[in-house]
PDB file of N, CA and C in Angstrom:
ATOM      1  N   MET A   1      74.260 118.457  39.004  1.00  0.00           N
ATOM      2  CA  MET A   1      73.156 119.373  39.755  1.00  0.00           C
ATOM      3  C   MET A   1      71.712 118.760  39.605  1.00  0.00           C
ATOM      4  N   ILE A   2      71.208 118.418  39.191  1.00  0.00           N
ATOM      5  CA  ILE A   2      69.700 117.444  38.858  1.00  0.00           C
ATOM      6  C   ILE A   2      69.905 115.965  39.889  1.00  0.00           C
ATOM      7  N   ARG A   3      70.819 115.461  39.587  1.00  0.00           N
ATOM      8  CA  ARG A   3      70.984 114.631  40.856  1.00  0.00           C
ATOM      9  C   ARG A   3      70.499 115.171  42.127  1.00  0.00           C
ATOM     10  N   ILE A   4      71.537 115.596  42.657  1.00  0.00           N
ATOM     11  CA  ILE A   4      71.664 116.626  43.770  1.00  0.00           C
ATOM     12  C   ILE A   4      69.786 117.086  44.077  1.00  0.00           C
ATOM     13  N   LEU A   5      69.318 117.793  43.054  1.00  0.00           N
ATOM     14  CA  LEU A   5      67.674 118.166  43.463  1.00  0.00           C
ATOM     15  C   LEU A   5      66.902 116.787  43.536  1.00  0.00           C
ATOM     16  N   LYS A   6      66.868 116.102  42.880  1.00  0.00           N
ATOM     17  CA  LYS A   6      66.398 114.789  42.930  1.00  0.00           C
ATOM     18  C   LYS A   6      66.286 114.384  44.215  1.00  0.00           C
ATOM     19  N   LEU A   7      67.713 114.436  45.029  1.00  0.00           N
ATOM     20  CA  LEU A   7      67.685 113.619  45.952  1.00  0.00           C
ATOM     21  C   LEU A   7      67.506 114.694  47.253  1.00  0.00           C
ATOM     22  N   ALA A   8      66.733 116.060  47.228  1.00  0.00           N
ATOM     23  CA  ALA A   8      66.592 116.928  47.688  1.00  0.00           C
ATOM     24  C   ALA A   8      65.027 116.867  47.681  1.00  0.00           C
ATOM     25  N   GLY A   9      64.637 116.658  46.934  1.00  0.00           N
ATOM     26  CA  GLY A   9      62.985 116.541  46.451  1.00  0.00           C
ATOM     27  C   GLY A   9      62.715 114.811  47.378  1.00  0.00           C
ATOM     28  N   PHE A  10      63.597 113.713  46.991  1.00  0.00           N
ATOM     29  CA  PHE A  10      63.354 112.571  48.174  1.00  0.00           C
ATOM     30  C   PHE A  10      63.567 113.185  49.708  1.00  0.00           C
ATOM     31  N   TRP A  11      64.646 114.355  50.410  1.00  0.00           N
ATOM     32  CA  TRP A  11      64.455 114.394  51.467  1.00  0.00           C
ATOM     33  C   TRP A  11      63.303 114.886  51.988  1.00  0.00           C
ATOM     34  N   LEU A  12      63.077 115.444  50.979  1.00  0.00           N
ATOM     35  CA  LEU A  12      61.703 116.641  50.987  1.00  0.00           C
ATOM     36  C   LEU A  12      60.729 115.402  51.449  1.00  0.00           C
ATOM     37  N   GLY A  13      59.852 114.968  50.831  1.00  0.00           N
ATOM     38  CA  GLY A  13      59.516 113.825  50.581  1.00  0.00           C
ATOM     39  C   GLY A  13      59.279 112.969  51.662  1.00  0.00           C
ATOM     40  N   LEU A  14      60.468 112.567  51.981  1.00  0.00           N
ATOM     41  CA  LEU A  14      60.092 111.738  53.164  1.00  0.00           C
ATOM     42  C   LEU A  14      60.067 112.445  54.471  1.00  0.00           C
ATOM     43  N   THR A  15      60.589 114.111  54.566  1.00  0.00           N
ATOM     44  CA  THR A  15      59.840 114.735  55.969  1.00  0.00           C
ATOM     45  C   THR A  15      58.498 114.513  55.930  1.00  0.00           C
ATOM     46  N   PHE A  16      58.163 114.966  54.713  1.00  0.00           N
ATOM     47  CA  PHE A  16      56.503 115.118  54.742  1.00  0.00           C
ATOM     48  C   PHE A  16      55.443 113.808  55.137  1.00  0.00           C
ATOM     49  N   LEU A  17      56.099 112.725  54.779  1.00  0.00           N
ATOM     50  CA  LEU A  17      55.614 111.261  54.810  1.00  0.00           C
ATOM     51  C   LEU A  17      55.924 111.189  56.269  1.00  0.00           C
ATOM     52  N   TYR A  18      57.092 111.306  56.835  1.00  0.00           N
ATOM     53  CA  TYR A  18      57.332 111.884  59.117  1.00  0.00           C
ATOM     54  C   TYR A  18      56.092 112.375  59.456  1.00  0.00           C
ATOM     55  N   VAL A  19      55.930 113.390  59.020  1.00  0.00           N
ATOM     56  CA  VAL A  19      55.073 114.159  59.381  1.00  0.00           C
ATOM     57  C   VAL A  19      53.734 113.571  59.340  1.00  0.00           C
ATOM     58  N   ALA A  20      53.365 112.764  58.091  1.00  0.00           N
ATOM     59  CA  ALA A  20      51.907 112.511  58.275  1.00  0.00           C
ATOM     60  C   ALA A  20      52.106 111.136  59.010  1.00  0.00           C
ATOM     61  N   LEU A  21      53.162 110.520  59.044  1.00  0.00           N
ATOM     62  CA  LEU A  21      53.346 109.328  60.224  1.00  0.00           C
ATOM     63  C   LEU A  21      52.945 109.688  61.578  1.00  0.00           C
ATOM     64  N   THR A  22      53.117 110.764  61.651  1.00  0.00           N
ATOM     65  CA  THR A  22      53.356 111.482  63.202  1.00  0.00           C
ATOM     66  C   THR A  22      51.941 111.636  63.562  1.00  0.00           C
ATOM     67  N   PHE A  23      51.298 112.531  62.879  1.00  0.00           N
ATOM     68  CA  PHE A  23      49.615 112.406  62.865  1.00  0.00           C
ATOM     69  C   PHE A  23      48.731 111.011  62.795  1.00  0.00           C
ATOM     70  N   VAL A  24      49.415 110.215  62.300  1.00  0.00           N
ATOM     71  CA  VAL A  24      48.448 109.051  62.445  1.00  0.00           C
ATOM     72  C   VAL A  24      48.527 108.387  63.539  1.00  0.00           C
ATOM     73  N   VAL A  25      50.423 108.813  64.181  1.00  0.00           N
ATOM     74  CA  VAL A  25      50.053 107.955  65.015  1.00  0.00           C
ATOM     75  C   VAL A  25      49.125 108.728  66.322  1.00  0.00           C
ATOM     76  N   SER A  26      49.825 109.559  66.090  1.00  0.00           N
ATOM     77  CA  SER A  26      48.824 111.014  67.323  1.00  0.00           C
ATOM     78  C   SER A  26      47.112 110.121  66.884  1.00  0.00           C
ATOM     79  N   SER A  27      46.918 109.654  65.965  1.00  0.00           N
ATOM     80  CA  SER A  27      45.486 109.668  66.134  1.00  0.00           C
ATOM     81  C   SER A  27      45.111 108.281  66.597  1.00  0.00           C
ATOM     82  N   ILE A  28      45.738 107.433  67.748  1.00  0.00           N
ATOM     83  CA  ILE A  28      45.635 106.060  67.815  1.00  0.00           C
ATOM     84  C   ILE A  28      45.180 106.587  69.628  1.00  0.00           C
ATOM     85  N   GLN A  29      44.264 105.978  69.966  1.00  0.00           N
ATOM     86  CA  GLN A  29      43.282 106.308  71.221  1.00  0.00           C
ATOM     87  C   GLN A  29      44.411 105.298  71.947  1.00  0.00           C
ATOM     88  N   VAL A  30      44.598 106.041  73.475  1.00  0.00           N
ATOM     89  CA  VAL A  30      45.355 105.274  74.309  1.00  0.00           C
ATOM     90  C   VAL A  30      44.197 104.976  75.384  1.00  0.00           C
ATOM     91  N   GLY A  31      44.530 104.171  76.430  1.00  0.00           N
ATOM     92  CA  GLY A  31      43.996 104.149  77.681  1.00  0.00           C
ATOM     93  C   GLY A  31      44.809 104.246  78.344  1.00  0.00           C
ATOM     94  N   PRO A  32      44.491 104.138  79.776  1.00  0.00           N
ATOM     95  CA  PRO A  32      44.790 104.895  80.856  1.00  0.00           C
ATOM     96  C   PRO A  32      46.423 104.937  80.893  1.00  0.00           C
ATOM     97  N   ASP A  33      46.907 106.128  81.354  1.00  0.00           N
ATOM     98  CA  ASP A  33      48.583 106.085  81.815  1.00  0.00           C
ATOM     99  C   ASP A  33      49.026 104.780  82.648  1.00  0.00           C
ATOM    100  N   ILE A  34      49.990 104.427  82.426  1.00  0.00           N
ATOM    101  CA  ILE A  34      50.432 103.379  83.257  1.00  0.00           C
ATOM    102  C   ILE A  34      51.718 104.339  83.606  1.00  0.00           C
ATOM    103  N   LYS A  35      51.491 103.931  85.072  1.00  0.00           N
ATOM    104  CA  LYS A  35      52.357 104.813  86.028  1.00  0.00           C
ATOM    105  C   LYS A  35      53.818 104.537  86.735  1.00  0.00           C
ATOM    106  N   ILE A  36      55.023 104.695  85.728  1.00  0.00           N
ATOM    107  CA  ILE A  36      56.217 103.945  86.503  1.00  0.00           C
ATOM    108  C   ILE A  36      57.071 105.197  86.683  1.00  0.00           C
ATOM    109  N   LYS A  37      57.821 104.793  87.631  1.00  0.00           N
ATOM    110  CA  LYS A  37      58.552 105.783  88.772  1.00  0.00           C
ATOM    111  C   LYS A  37      59.737 105.669  87.698  1.00  0.00           C
ATOM    112  N   ALA A  38      59.962 107.161  87.546  1.00  0.00           N
ATOM    113  CA  ALA A  38      61.391 107.180  86.506  1.00  0.00           C
ATOM    114  C   ALA A  38      61.435 108.939  87.060  1.00  0.00           C
ATOM    115  N   PRO A  39      62.795 109.049  86.609  1.00  0.00           N
ATOM    116  CA  PRO A  39      63.136 110.504  87.326  1.00  0.00           C
ATOM    117  C   PRO A  39      62.500 111.572  86.084  1.00  0.00           C
ATOM    118  N   ILE A  40      61.843 111.122  84.942  1.00  0.00           N
ATOM    119  CA  ILE A  40      61.382 111.825  84.108  1.00  0.00           C
ATOM    120  C   ILE A  40      60.270 111.105  83.526  1.00  0.00           C
ATOM    121  N   ARG A  41      59.336 111.732  82.454  1.00  0.00           N
ATOM    122  CA  ARG A  41      58.148 110.885  82.302  1.00  0.00           C
ATOM    123  C   ARG A  41      58.805 110.505  80.791  1.00  0.00           C
ATOM    124  N   LEU A  42      58.558 109.163  80.671  1.00  0.00           N
ATOM    125  CA  LEU A  42      59.105 108.798  79.313  1.00  0.00           C
ATOM    126  C   LEU A  42      58.586 108.880  77.585  1.00  0.00           C
ATOM    127  N   ASP A  43      57.213 109.748  77.576  1.00  0.00           N
ATOM    128  CA  ASP A  43      56.905 110.004  76.685  1.00  0.00           C
ATOM    129  C   ASP A  43      57.423 111.148  76.400  1.00  0.00           C
ATOM    130  N   LEU A  44      57.972 111.994  77.468  1.00  0.00           N
ATOM    131  CA  LEU A  44      58.631 113.194  77.083  1.00  0.00           C
ATOM    132  C   LEU A  44      59.776 112.866  76.226  1.00  0.00           C
ATOM    133  N   ILE A  45      60.562 112.047  76.688  1.00  0.00           N
ATOM    134  CA  ILE A  45      61.619 111.369  75.753  1.00  0.00           C
ATOM    135  C   ILE A  45      61.652 111.336  74.313  1.00  0.00           C
ATOM    136  N   ALA A  46      60.214 110.270  74.343  1.00  0.00           N
ATOM    137  CA  ALA A  46      59.462 110.172  73.132  1.00  0.00           C
ATOM    138  C   ALA A  46      59.473 111.089  71.990  1.00  0.00           C
ATOM    139  N   HIS A  47      59.231 112.439  72.542  1.00  0.00           N
ATOM    140  CA  HIS A  47      58.839 113.391  71.998  1.00  0.00           C
ATOM    141  C   HIS A  47      59.749 114.086  71.602  1.00  0.00           C
ATOM    142  N   ALA A  48      61.270 113.711  72.413  1.00  0.00           N
ATOM    143  CA  ALA A  48      62.189 114.716  71.945  1.00  0.00           C
ATOM    144  C   ALA A  48      63.226 113.973  70.674  1.00  0.00           C
ATOM    145  N   ILE A  49      63.244 112.777  70.935  1.00  0.00           N
ATOM    146  CA  ILE A  49      63.452 111.372  70.063  1.00  0.00           C
ATOM    147  C   ILE A  49      62.509 112.023  68.403  1.00  0.00           C
ATOM    148  N   GLU A  50      60.983 111.718  68.769  1.00  0.00           N
ATOM    149  CA  GLU A  50      60.768 112.021  67.638  1.00  0.00           C
ATOM    150  C   GLU A  50      60.516 112.709  66.841  1.00  0.00           C
ATOM    151  N   TYR A  51      60.507 114.102  67.275  1.00  0.00           N
ATOM    152  CA  TYR A  51      60.893 115.505  66.639  1.00  0.00           C
ATOM    153  C   TYR A  51      62.354 115.825  66.681  1.00  0.00           C
ATOM    154  N   GLY A  52      63.153 115.150  67.497  1.00  0.00           N
ATOM    155  CA  GLY A  52      65.027 115.389  66.473  1.00  0.00           C
ATOM    156  C   GLY A  52      65.260 114.789  66.035  1.00  0.00           C
ATOM    157  N   ILE A  53      64.104 113.263  65.672  1.00  0.00           N
ATOM    158  CA  ILE A  53      64.498 112.668  63.571  1.00  0.00           C
ATOM    159  C   ILE A  53      63.960 114.039  62.890  1.00  0.00           C
ATOM    160  N   LEU A  54      62.543 114.241  63.220  1.00  0.00           N
ATOM    161  CA  LEU A  54      61.731 115.517  61.971  1.00  0.00           C
ATOM    162  C   LEU A  54      63.088 116.316  62.056  1.00  0.00           C
ATOM    163  N   ALA A  55      63.804 116.765  62.575  1.00  0.00           N
ATOM    164  CA  ALA A  55      64.249 118.347  62.840  1.00  0.00           C
ATOM    165  C   ALA A  55      66.143 117.680  61.977  1.00  0.00           C
ATOM    166  N   TRP A  56      66.063 116.203  62.154  1.00  0.00           N
ATOM    167  CA  TRP A  56      67.078 115.383  61.230  1.00  0.00           C
ATOM    168  C   TRP A  56      66.769 115.913  59.706  1.00  0.00           C
ATOM    169  N   LEU A  57      65.422 115.061  59.557  1.00  0.00           N
ATOM    170  CA  LEU A  57      65.240 115.496  58.032  1.00  0.00           C
ATOM    171  C   LEU A  57      65.602 116.451  57.476  1.00  0.00           C
ATOM    172  N   CYS A  58      64.663 117.629  58.131  1.00  0.00           N
ATOM    173  CA  CYS A  58      64.507 118.902  58.023  1.00  0.00           C
ATOM    174  C   CYS A  58      66.104 119.752  57.351  1.00  0.00           C
ATOM    175  N   LEU A  59      67.252 119.367  58.368  1.00  0.00           N
ATOM    176  CA  LEU A  59      68.275 119.770  58.462  1.00  0.00           C
ATOM    177  C   LEU A  59      68.694 119.348  56.994  1.00  0.00           C
ATOM    178  N   LYS A  60      68.722 118.221  57.015  1.00  0.00           N
ATOM    179  CA  LYS A  60      69.086 117.485  55.698  1.00  0.00           C
ATOM    180  C   LYS A  60      68.985 117.957  54.357  1.00  0.00           C
ATOM    181  N   TYR A  61      67.704 118.428  54.390  1.00  0.00           N
ATOM    182  CA  TYR A  61      66.941 118.857  52.877  1.00  0.00           C
ATOM    183  C   TYR A  61      67.074 119.759  53.020  1.00  0.00           C
ATOM    184  N   PHE A  62      67.626 120.524  53.807  1.00  0.00           N
ATOM    185  CA  PHE A  62      68.016 121.977  53.336  1.00  0.00           C
ATOM    186  C   PHE A  62      69.425 122.072  53.334  1.00  0.00           C
ATOM    187  N   LYS A  63      70.370 121.088  53.817  1.00  0.00           N
ATOM    188  CA  LYS A  63      71.527 121.064  52.935  1.00  0.00           C
ATOM    189  C   LYS A  63      71.401 120.676  51.247  1.00  0.00           C
ATOM    190  N   LEU A  64      70.932 119.741  51.502  1.00  0.00           N
ATOM    191  CA  LEU A  64      70.587 119.263  49.967  1.00  0.00           C
ATOM    192  C   LEU A  64      70.336 120.231  48.707  1.00  0.00           C
ATOM    193  N   ALA A  65      69.102 120.980  49.251  1.00  0.00           N
ATOM    194  CA  ALA A  65      68.588 121.767  48.438  1.00  0.00           C
ATOM    195  C   ALA A  65      69.585 122.845  48.716  1.00  0.00           C
ATOM    196  N   ASN A  66      70.375 123.363  49.498  1.00  0.00           N
ATOM    197  CA  ASN A  66      71.193 124.357  49.244  1.00  0.00           C
ATOM    198  C   ASN A  66      70.524 125.810  49.602  1.00  0.00           C
ATOM    199  N   HIS A  67      69.371 125.781  49.833  1.00  0.00           N
ATOM    200  CA  HIS A  67      68.436 126.727  49.959  1.00  0.00           C
ATOM    201  C   HIS A  67      69.724 127.995  50.940  1.00  0.00           C
ATOM    202  N   PHE A  68      69.735 127.990  51.676  1.00  0.00           N
ATOM    203  CA  PHE A  68      70.662 129.043  52.680  1.00  0.00           C
ATOM    204  C   PHE A  68      72.023 129.116  52.722  1.00  0.00           C
ATOM    205  N   LYS A  69      72.636 130.320  52.893  1.00  0.00           N
ATOM    206  CA  LYS A  69      74.130 130.303  52.794  1.00  0.00           C
ATOM    207  C   LYS A  69      74.500 130.462  54.017  1.00  0.00           C
ATOM    208  N   ALA A  70      73.897 131.288  55.246  1.00  0.00           N
ATOM    209  CA  ALA A  70      73.727 130.517  56.466  1.00  0.00           C
ATOM    210  C   ALA A  70      73.102 129.453  56.652  1.00  0.00           C
ATOM    211  N   ARG A  71      74.386 128.381  57.869  1.00  0.00           N
ATOM    212  CA  ARG A  71      73.819 127.723  58.535  1.00  0.00           C
ATOM    213  C   ARG A  71      72.558 127.820  59.790  1.00  0.00           C
ATOM    214  N   TRP A  72      73.295 128.883  60.122  1.00  0.00           N
ATOM    215  CA  TRP A  72      72.009 129.478  61.445  1.00  0.00           C
ATOM    216  C   TRP A  72      70.505 129.155  60.828  1.00  0.00           C
ATOM    217  N   THR A  73      70.443 130.104  59.625  1.00  0.00           N
ATOM    218  CA  THR A  73      69.107 130.245  58.667  1.00  0.00           C
ATOM    219  C   THR A  73      68.194 129.130  59.093  1.00  0.00           C
ATOM    220  N   ALA A  74      68.906 127.721  58.566  1.00  0.00           N
ATOM    221  CA  ALA A  74      68.214 126.362  58.383  1.00  0.00           C
ATOM    222  C   ALA A  74      67.869 126.180  59.743  1.00  0.00           C
ATOM    223  N   SER A  75      68.821 126.359  60.792  1.00  0.00           N
ATOM    224  CA  SER A  75      68.674 125.950  62.082  1.00  0.00           C
ATOM    225  C   SER A  75      67.502 126.538  62.793  1.00  0.00           C
ATOM    226  N   TRP A  76      67.147 128.130  62.673  1.00  0.00           N
ATOM    227  CA  TRP A  76      66.408 128.843  63.203  1.00  0.00           C
ATOM    228  C   TRP A  76      65.044 128.123  62.390  1.00  0.00           C
ATOM    229  N   LEU A  77      64.887 127.747  61.044  1.00  0.00           N
ATOM    230  CA  LEU A  77      63.506 127.249  60.274  1.00  0.00           C
ATOM    231  C   LEU A  77      63.299 126.531  60.943  1.00  0.00           C
ATOM    232  N   THR A  78      64.424 125.285  61.087  1.00  0.00           N
ATOM    233  CA  THR A  78      63.880 123.917  61.305  1.00  0.00           C
ATOM    234  C   THR A  78      63.360 123.948  62.894  1.00  0.00           C
ATOM    235  N   VAL A  79      64.269 124.816  63.888  1.00  0.00           N
ATOM    236  CA  VAL A  79      63.136 125.337  65.094  1.00  0.00           C
ATOM    237  C   VAL A  79      61.639 125.864  65.198  1.00  0.00           C
ATOM    238  N   LEU A  80      61.479 126.244  64.128  1.00  0.00           N
ATOM    239  CA  LEU A  80      60.190 127.431  63.841  1.00  0.00           C
ATOM    240  C   LEU A  80      59.108 126.152  63.098  1.00  0.00           C
ATOM    241  N   ILE A  81      59.856 125.153  62.359  1.00  0.00           N
ATOM    242  CA  ILE A  81      58.943 124.123  61.601  1.00  0.00           C
ATOM    243  C   ILE A  81      58.661 123.126  62.701  1.00  0.00           C
ATOM    244  N   ILE A  82      59.439 122.606  63.772  1.00  0.00           N
ATOM    245  CA  ILE A  82      59.056 121.684  65.191  1.00  0.00           C
ATOM    246  C   ILE A  82      58.034 122.407  65.877  1.00  0.00           C
ATOM    247  N   ALA A  83      58.466 123.514  65.672  1.00  0.00           N
ATOM    248  CA  ALA A  83      57.266 124.515  67.247  1.00  0.00           C
ATOM    249  C   ALA A  83      56.032 124.310  66.475  1.00  0.00           C
ATOM    250  N   LEU A  84      56.100 124.493  64.927  1.00  0.00           N
ATOM    251  CA  LEU A  84      54.632 124.691  64.336  1.00  0.00           C
ATOM    252  C   LEU A  84      53.664 123.195  64.267  1.00  0.00           C
ATOM    253  N   VAL A  85      54.601 122.314  63.637  1.00  0.00           N
ATOM    254  CA  VAL A  85      54.221 120.913  63.469  1.00  0.00           C
ATOM    255  C   VAL A  85      53.708 120.376  64.947  1.00  0.00           C
ATOM    256  N   GLY A  86      54.510 120.538  65.578  1.00  0.00           N
ATOM    257  CA  GLY A  86      54.345 119.938  66.861  1.00  0.00           C
ATOM    258  C   GLY A  86      53.144 120.549  67.913  1.00  0.00           C
ATOM    259  N   GLY A  87      53.124 121.777  67.577  1.00  0.00           N
ATOM    260  CA  GLY A  87      51.990 122.402  68.204  1.00  0.00           C
ATOM    261  C   GLY A  87      50.583 122.281  67.477  1.00  0.00           C
ATOM    262  N   LEU A  88      50.791 122.069  66.191  1.00  0.00           N
ATOM    263  CA  LEU A  88      49.624 121.550  65.630  1.00  0.00           C
ATOM    264  C   LEU A  88      49.074 119.790  65.403  1.00  0.00           C
ATOM    265  N   ASN A  89      50.503 119.450  65.962  1.00  0.00           N
ATOM    266  CA  ASN A  89      49.953 117.860  66.636  1.00  0.00           C
ATOM    267  C   ASN A  89      49.169 117.711  67.943  1.00  0.00           C
ATOM    268  N   GLU A  90      49.715 118.923  69.142  1.00  0.00           N
ATOM    269  CA  GLU A  90      48.472 118.730  69.966  1.00  0.00           C
ATOM    270  C   GLU A  90      48.049 119.372  69.661  1.00  0.00           C
ATOM    271  N   LEU A  91      47.366 120.109  69.187  1.00  0.00           N
ATOM    272  CA  LEU A  91      46.177 121.110  68.866  1.00  0.00           C
ATOM    273  C   LEU A  91      44.830 119.319  68.459  1.00  0.00           C
ATOM    274  N   TYR A  92      46.092 118.666  67.406  1.00  0.00           N
ATOM    275  CA  TYR A  92      45.088 117.563  66.683  1.00  0.00           C
ATOM    276  C   TYR A  92      44.735 116.932  67.969  1.00  0.00           C
ATOM    277  N   GLN A  93      45.916 116.650  68.920  1.00  0.00           N
ATOM    278  CA  GLN A  93      45.522 115.640  69.631  1.00  0.00           C
ATOM    279  C   GLN A  93      44.632 115.485  70.608  1.00  0.00           C
ATOM    280  N   SER A  94      44.319 116.828  71.135  1.00  0.00           N
ATOM    281  CA  SER A  94      43.302 117.724  71.845  1.00  0.00           C
ATOM    282  C   SER A  94      41.797 116.951  71.355  1.00  0.00           C
ATOM    283  N   SER A  95      41.614 116.618  70.173  1.00  0.00           N
ATOM    284  CA  SER A  95      40.344 115.699  69.627  1.00  0.00           C
ATOM    285  C   SER A  95      40.200 114.849  69.540  1.00  0.00           C
ATOM    286  N   VAL A  96      41.310 113.922  69.746  1.00  0.00           N
ATOM    287  CA  VAL A  96      41.620 112.302  70.213  1.00  0.00           C
ATOM    288  C   VAL A  96      41.219 111.703  71.509  1.00  0.00           C
ATOM    289  N   PRO A  97      40.028 111.025  71.365  1.00  0.00           N
ATOM    290  CA  PRO A  97      39.724 110.542  72.707  1.00  0.00           C
ATOM    291  C   PRO A  97      40.892 109.620  73.476  1.00  0.00           C
ATOM    292  N   GLY A  98      41.427 110.286  74.360  1.00  0.00           N
ATOM    293  CA  GLY A  98      42.150 109.001  75.577  1.00  0.00           C
ATOM    294  C   GLY A  98      43.773 110.088  75.010  1.00  0.00           C
ATOM    295  N   ARG A  99      43.903 110.632  74.495  1.00  0.00           N
ATOM    296  CA  ARG A  99      45.077 111.661  74.473  1.00  0.00           C
ATOM    297  C   ARG A  99      44.924 113.309  75.359  1.00  0.00           C
ATOM    298  N   THR A 100      45.906 113.511  75.464  1.00  0.00           N
ATOM    299  CA  THR A 100      45.997 114.422  76.343  1.00  0.00           C
ATOM    300  C   THR A 100      47.219 115.104  75.937  1.00  0.00           C
ATOM    301  N   VAL A 101      46.871 116.258  76.408  1.00  0.00           N
ATOM    302  CA  VAL A 101      47.938 118.048  75.348  1.00  0.00           C
ATOM    303  C   VAL A 101      48.610 118.369  76.796  1.00  0.00           C
ATOM    304  N   GLY A 102      50.046 119.002  76.329  1.00  0.00           N
ATOM    305  CA  GLY A 102      50.669 119.468  77.531  1.00  0.00           C
ATOM    306  C   GLY A 102      51.648 120.536  77.123  1.00  0.00           C
ATOM    307  N   ILE A 103      51.856 121.506  77.289  1.00  0.00           N
ATOM    308  CA  ILE A 103      52.932 122.401  77.073  1.00  0.00           C
ATOM    309  C   ILE A 103      53.659 121.835  77.306  1.00  0.00           C
ATOM    310  N   ASP A 104      54.100 120.765  78.141  1.00  0.00           N
ATOM    311  CA  ASP A 104      55.969 120.119  78.519  1.00  0.00           C
ATOM    312  C   ASP A 104      55.935 119.408  77.351  1.00  0.00           C
ATOM    313  N   ASP A 105      54.817 118.701  76.337  1.00  0.00           N
ATOM    314  CA  ASP A 105      55.224 118.116  75.078  1.00  0.00           C
ATOM    315  C   ASP A 105      56.020 118.936  74.073  1.00  0.00           C
ATOM    316  N   GLU A 106      55.753 120.298  74.285  1.00  0.00           N
ATOM    317  CA  GLU A 106      55.805 120.853  72.851  1.00  0.00           C
ATOM    318  C   GLU A 106      57.144 120.869  73.150  1.00  0.00           C
ATOM    319  N   VAL A 107      57.618 121.794  75.053  1.00  0.00           N
ATOM    320  CA  VAL A 107      58.802 122.459  75.091  1.00  0.00           C
ATOM    321  C   VAL A 107      60.233 121.168  74.544  1.00  0.00           C
ATOM    322  N   PHE A 108      59.449 119.747  74.909  1.00  0.00           N
ATOM    323  CA  PHE A 108      60.328 118.790  74.577  1.00  0.00           C
ATOM    324  C   PHE A 108      60.600 118.005  72.774  1.00  0.00           C
ATOM    325  N   ASN A 109      59.458 118.559  72.102  1.00  0.00           N
ATOM    326  CA  ASN A 109      59.384 118.501  71.100  1.00  0.00           C
ATOM    327  C   ASN A 109      60.654 119.710  70.549  1.00  0.00           C
ATOM    328  N   ILE A 110      60.805 121.048  71.447  1.00  0.00           N
ATOM    329  CA  ILE A 110      61.623 121.529  70.382  1.00  0.00           C
ATOM    330  C   ILE A 110      63.065 121.438  71.438  1.00  0.00           C
ATOM    331  N   LEU A 111      62.814 120.694  72.311  1.00  0.00           N
ATOM    332  CA  LEU A 111      63.936 120.531  72.544  1.00  0.00           C
ATOM    333  C   LEU A 111      65.362 119.174  71.833  1.00  0.00           C
ATOM    334  N   GLY A 112      64.163 118.646  71.263  1.00  0.00           N
ATOM    335  CA  GLY A 112      64.725 117.074  70.474  1.00  0.00           C
ATOM    336  C   GLY A 112      65.548 118.298  69.610  1.00  0.00           C
ATOM    337  N   ALA A 113      64.355 119.291  68.702  1.00  0.00           N
ATOM    338  CA  ALA A 113      65.071 119.788  67.814  1.00  0.00           C
ATOM    339  C   ALA A 113      66.519 120.268  67.869  1.00  0.00           C
ATOM    340  N   ILE A 114      66.792 121.064  68.903  1.00  0.00           N
ATOM    341  CA  ILE A 114      67.747 122.017  69.257  1.00  0.00           C
ATOM    342  C   ILE A 114      68.884 120.812  69.492  1.00  0.00           C
ATOM    343  N   ILE A 115      69.041 120.020  70.163  1.00  0.00           N
ATOM    344  CA  ILE A 115      69.708 119.039  70.682  1.00  0.00           C
ATOM    345  C   ILE A 115      70.031 117.870  69.054  1.00  0.00           C
ATOM    346  N   THR A 116      69.069 117.888  68.383  1.00  0.00           N
ATOM    347  CA  THR A 116      69.968 117.163  67.163  1.00  0.00           C
ATOM    348  C   THR A 116      70.248 118.697  65.942  1.00  0.00           C
ATOM    349  N   ILE A 117      69.814 119.712  66.183  1.00  0.00           N
ATOM    350  CA  ILE A 117      70.742 120.696  65.882  1.00  0.00           C
ATOM    351  C   ILE A 117      72.530 120.679  65.848  1.00  0.00           C
ATOM    352  N   ALA A 118      72.313 120.720  67.154  1.00  0.00           N
ATOM    353  CA  ALA A 118      73.644 120.870  68.123  1.00  0.00           C
ATOM    354  C   ALA A 118      74.599 119.933  67.792  1.00  0.00           C
ATOM    355  N   TRP A 119      73.743 118.760  67.773  1.00  0.00           N
ATOM    356  CA  TRP A 119      74.909 117.841  67.230  1.00  0.00           C
ATOM    357  C   TRP A 119      75.229 117.609  65.966  1.00  0.00           C
ATOM    358  N   GLN A 120      74.211 118.044  64.760  1.00  0.00           N
ATOM    359  CA  GLN A 120      74.746 117.984  63.637  1.00  0.00           C
ATOM    360  C   GLN A 120      75.831 119.335  63.435  1.00  0.00           C
ATOM    361  N   SER A 121      75.759 120.309  64.272  1.00  0.00           N
ATOM    362  CA  SER A 121      76.486 121.425  63.938  1.00  0.00           C
ATOM    363  C   SER A 121      77.939 120.771  64.508  1.00  0.00           C
ATOM    364  N   LYS A 122      78.014 120.351  65.663  1.00  0.00           N
ATOM    365  CA  LYS A 122      79.470 119.608  65.965  1.00  0.00           C
ATOM    366  C   LYS A 122      79.714 118.456  65.029  1.00  0.00           C
ATOM    367  N   ASN A 123      79.029 117.521  64.292  1.00  0.00           N
ATOM    368  CA  ASN A 123      79.629 116.583  63.115  1.00  0.00           C
ATOM    369  C   ASN A 123      79.721 117.304  62.265  1.00  0.00           C
ATOM    370  N   ASN A 124      79.403 118.641  61.724  1.00  0.00           N
ATOM    371  CA  ASN A 124      79.598 118.963  60.478  1.00  0.00           C
ATOM    372  C   ASN A 124      81.147 120.016  60.534  1.00  0.00           C
ATOM    373  N   LYS A 125      80.880 120.157  62.089  1.00  0.00           N
ATOM    374  CA  LYS A 125      82.587 120.715  62.083  1.00  0.00           C
ATOM    375  C   LYS A 125      83.447 119.937  61.944  1.00  0.00           C
ATOM    376  N   VAL A 126      83.850 118.776  63.041  1.00  0.00           N
ATOM    377  CA  VAL A 126      84.823 117.851  63.166  1.00  0.00           C
ATOM    378  C   VAL A 126      84.604 116.903  61.212  1.00  0.00           C
ATOM    379  N   SER A 127      83.947 117.008  60.989  1.00  0.00           N
ATOM    380  CA  SER A 127      84.452 116.233  59.390  1.00  0.00           C
ATOM    381  C   SER A 127      85.135 117.111  58.317  1.00  0.00           C
ATOM    382  N   LYS A 128      84.928 118.451  58.674  1.00  0.00           N
ATOM    383  CA  LYS A 128      85.525 119.537  58.041  1.00  0.00           C
ATOM    384  C   LYS A 128      86.911 119.240  57.903  1.00  0.00           C
TER     385      LYS A 128
END
């Protein structure tokens, strides 16, 4: 039991470290946008991947810490955490020169979390 708690603590620490890293990367000033013809903006895909990874870290912690009996509780809390961290990061970026803020970024943050949760849910059902 102590080993599992230590492992859960490791994942929680890794999650906080990842959040800190996203804010550090958001501090980097960027130059003018490079226009690439694509059906979707590539930075939105990056948002979905970045926050999908954060969602995976949250789910990993919740599973190991065994905080919730119902899996959906951890899933909804994960989406809420992603929305909060992503929103705060967008607000932070508004003060960084050269960075832009948009609701579409936040939508793709949450979309990345939802895709990760669905993927995790499917994998958990298959492995049982």
